Amino acid sequence: MRNNYANTAQLKELMTAPPMTAARHAEVMRQRNARRRMLEEAREAKKAGDPVFDGDKR
């Protein structure tokens, strides 16, 4: 889970920052979707007993 209190930016900095462009928003969303997809695939592989997840547990 994300820590919402880890951002140390001042309120004034946040409020005066220019808004995100549509292109940047699309890029961020693509990255977020790719990360989520990768995690989902890893979970499914682990449930399916993929040998990559076998080995010594630390």
N, C-alpha and C. Protein backbone atom coordinates (compact mmCIF):
# COMPACT_ATOMS: atom_id res chain seq x y z
N MET A 1 0.84 -1.17 0.00
CA MET A 1 0.00 0.00 0.00
C MET A 1 0.89 1.24 0.00
N ARG A 2 0.46 2.23 -0.68
CA ARG A 2 1.22 3.48 -0.76
C ARG A 2 1.10 4.28 0.53
N ASN A 3 2.19 4.95 0.86
CA ASN A 3 2.17 5.85 2.00
C ASN A 3 1.81 7.24 1.48
N ASN A 4 0.64 7.73 1.81
CA ASN A 4 0.19 9.03 1.33
C ASN A 4 0.90 10.19 1.99
N TYR A 5 1.62 9.94 3.05
CA TYR A 5 2.28 11.00 3.79
C TYR A 5 3.76 11.12 3.44
N ALA A 6 4.22 10.38 2.43
CA ALA A 6 5.63 10.40 2.07
C ALA A 6 5.99 11.63 1.25
N ASN A 7 5.02 12.31 0.66
CA ASN A 7 5.29 13.48 -0.17
C ASN A 7 5.56 14.67 0.74
N THR A 8 6.75 15.26 0.59
CA THR A 8 7.13 16.36 1.47
C THR A 8 6.98 17.71 0.79
N ALA A 9 6.29 17.78 -0.35
CA ALA A 9 6.11 19.04 -1.05
C ALA A 9 5.22 19.97 -0.23
N GLN A 10 5.53 21.23 -0.30
CA GLN A 10 4.72 22.23 0.39
C GLN A 10 3.42 22.47 -0.38
N LEU A 11 2.39 22.87 0.33
CA LEU A 11 1.10 23.10 -0.30
C LEU A 11 1.20 24.16 -1.40
N LYS A 12 1.95 25.22 -1.16
CA LYS A 12 2.09 26.28 -2.15
C LYS A 12 2.71 25.74 -3.45
N GLU A 13 3.70 24.86 -3.31
CA GLU A 13 4.34 24.25 -4.49
C GLU A 13 3.32 23.43 -5.27
N LEU A 14 2.49 22.69 -4.56
CA LEU A 14 1.49 21.85 -5.22
C LEU A 14 0.42 22.68 -5.91
N MET A 15 0.01 23.77 -5.28
CA MET A 15 -1.08 24.57 -5.81
C MET A 15 -0.64 25.45 -6.97
N THR A 16 0.64 25.77 -7.06
CA THR A 16 1.12 26.65 -8.14
C THR A 16 1.77 25.88 -9.28
N ALA A 17 1.82 24.57 -9.17
CA ALA A 17 2.40 23.75 -10.24
C ALA A 17 1.47 23.76 -11.44
N PRO A 18 2.03 23.79 -12.65
CA PRO A 18 1.16 23.76 -13.83
C PRO A 18 0.44 22.41 -13.93
N PRO A 19 -0.76 22.39 -14.47
CA PRO A 19 -1.49 21.13 -14.59
C PRO A 19 -0.79 20.15 -15.54
N MET A 20 -1.05 18.90 -15.34
CA MET A 20 -0.45 17.86 -16.17
C MET A 20 -1.04 17.93 -17.57
N THR A 21 -0.19 17.79 -18.57
CA THR A 21 -0.68 17.80 -19.95
C THR A 21 -1.38 16.47 -20.25
N ALA A 22 -2.18 16.45 -21.27
CA ALA A 22 -2.89 15.23 -21.67
C ALA A 22 -1.89 14.15 -22.07
N ALA A 23 -0.81 14.55 -22.74
CA ALA A 23 0.20 13.57 -23.17
C ALA A 23 0.89 12.95 -21.96
N ARG A 24 1.22 13.78 -20.97
CA ARG A 24 1.89 13.26 -19.76
C ARG A 24 0.93 12.36 -18.99
N HIS A 25 -0.33 12.74 -18.91
CA HIS A 25 -1.33 11.92 -18.22
C HIS A 25 -1.45 10.56 -18.89
N ALA A 26 -1.49 10.56 -20.22
CA ALA A 26 -1.58 9.30 -20.96
C ALA A 26 -0.36 8.42 -20.68
N GLU A 27 0.81 9.04 -20.63
CA GLU A 27 2.05 8.29 -20.36
C GLU A 27 2.01 7.69 -18.96
N VAL A 28 1.60 8.47 -17.98
CA VAL A 28 1.51 7.98 -16.60
C VAL A 28 0.52 6.82 -16.51
N MET A 29 -0.62 6.96 -17.16
CA MET A 29 -1.63 5.90 -17.12
C MET A 29 -1.13 4.63 -17.81
N ARG A 30 -0.42 4.78 -18.93
CA ARG A 30 0.15 3.60 -19.61
C ARG A 30 1.13 2.88 -18.69
N GLN A 31 1.98 3.63 -18.00
CA GLN A 31 2.95 3.03 -17.08
C GLN A 31 2.24 2.32 -15.94
N ARG A 32 1.21 2.96 -15.39
CA ARG A 32 0.46 2.37 -14.29
C ARG A 32 -0.22 1.08 -14.73
N ASN A 33 -0.82 1.10 -15.92
CA ASN A 33 -1.48 -0.10 -16.44
C ASN A 33 -0.48 -1.22 -16.70
N ALA A 34 0.69 -0.86 -17.24
CA ALA A 34 1.72 -1.87 -17.51
C ALA A 34 2.19 -2.51 -16.21
N ARG A 35 2.41 -1.70 -15.16
CA ARG A 35 2.82 -2.23 -13.86
C ARG A 35 1.75 -3.15 -13.29
N ARG A 36 0.49 -2.72 -13.37
CA ARG A 36 -0.60 -3.55 -12.84
C ARG A 36 -0.70 -4.87 -13.60
N ARG A 37 -0.58 -4.81 -14.92
CA ARG A 37 -0.65 -6.01 -15.74
C ARG A 37 0.48 -6.98 -15.38
N MET A 38 1.69 -6.42 -15.17
CA MET A 38 2.84 -7.26 -14.84
C MET A 38 2.60 -7.95 -13.49
N LEU A 39 2.08 -7.23 -12.51
CA LEU A 39 1.79 -7.83 -11.21
C LEU A 39 0.72 -8.90 -11.31
N GLU A 40 -0.32 -8.63 -12.09
CA GLU A 40 -1.39 -9.62 -12.24
C GLU A 40 -0.87 -10.89 -12.91
N GLU A 41 -0.02 -10.74 -13.91
CA GLU A 41 0.54 -11.91 -14.58
C GLU A 41 1.43 -12.70 -13.63
N ALA A 42 2.19 -12.00 -12.80
CA ALA A 42 3.05 -12.69 -11.83
C ALA A 42 2.21 -13.45 -10.82
N ARG A 43 1.12 -12.84 -10.35
CA ARG A 43 0.24 -13.54 -9.40
C ARG A 43 -0.37 -14.79 -10.03
N GLU A 44 -0.81 -14.65 -11.28
CA GLU A 44 -1.40 -15.81 -11.96
C GLU A 44 -0.37 -16.91 -12.16
N ALA A 45 0.87 -16.54 -12.52
CA ALA A 45 1.92 -17.53 -12.71
C ALA A 45 2.23 -18.23 -11.40
N LYS A 46 2.23 -17.47 -10.31
CA LYS A 46 2.52 -18.06 -9.00
C LYS A 46 1.42 -19.03 -8.61
N LYS A 47 0.15 -18.65 -8.85
CA LYS A 47 -0.97 -19.54 -8.54
C LYS A 47 -0.93 -20.80 -9.39
N ALA A 48 -0.48 -20.68 -10.63
CA ALA A 48 -0.45 -21.81 -11.55
C ALA A 48 0.73 -22.74 -11.25
N GLY A 49 1.59 -22.35 -10.30
CA GLY A 49 2.71 -23.22 -9.95
C GLY A 49 3.87 -23.09 -10.89
N ASP A 50 4.07 -21.94 -11.46
CA ASP A 50 5.19 -21.69 -12.37
C ASP A 50 6.50 -22.00 -11.64
N PRO A 51 7.41 -22.76 -12.27
CA PRO A 51 8.67 -23.13 -11.62
C PRO A 51 9.56 -21.93 -11.28
N VAL A 52 9.30 -20.79 -11.86
CA VAL A 52 10.10 -19.60 -11.54
C VAL A 52 9.93 -19.25 -10.06
N PHE A 53 8.77 -19.55 -9.49
CA PHE A 53 8.51 -19.20 -8.11
C PHE A 53 8.91 -20.29 -7.13
N ASP A 54 9.41 -21.41 -7.64
CA ASP A 54 9.92 -22.45 -6.77
C ASP A 54 11.36 -22.14 -6.44
N GLY A 55 11.84 -22.63 -5.35
CA GLY A 55 13.21 -22.37 -4.97
C GLY A 55 13.27 -22.06 -3.50
N ASP A 56 14.45 -21.60 -3.06
CA ASP A 56 14.57 -21.36 -1.62
C ASP A 56 13.87 -20.05 -1.27
N LYS A 57 13.15 -20.13 -0.17
CA LYS A 57 12.41 -18.97 0.34
C LYS A 57 13.28 -18.32 1.41
N ARG A 58 13.49 -17.05 1.30
CA ARG A 58 14.34 -16.38 2.29
C ARG A 58 13.52 -15.69 3.32
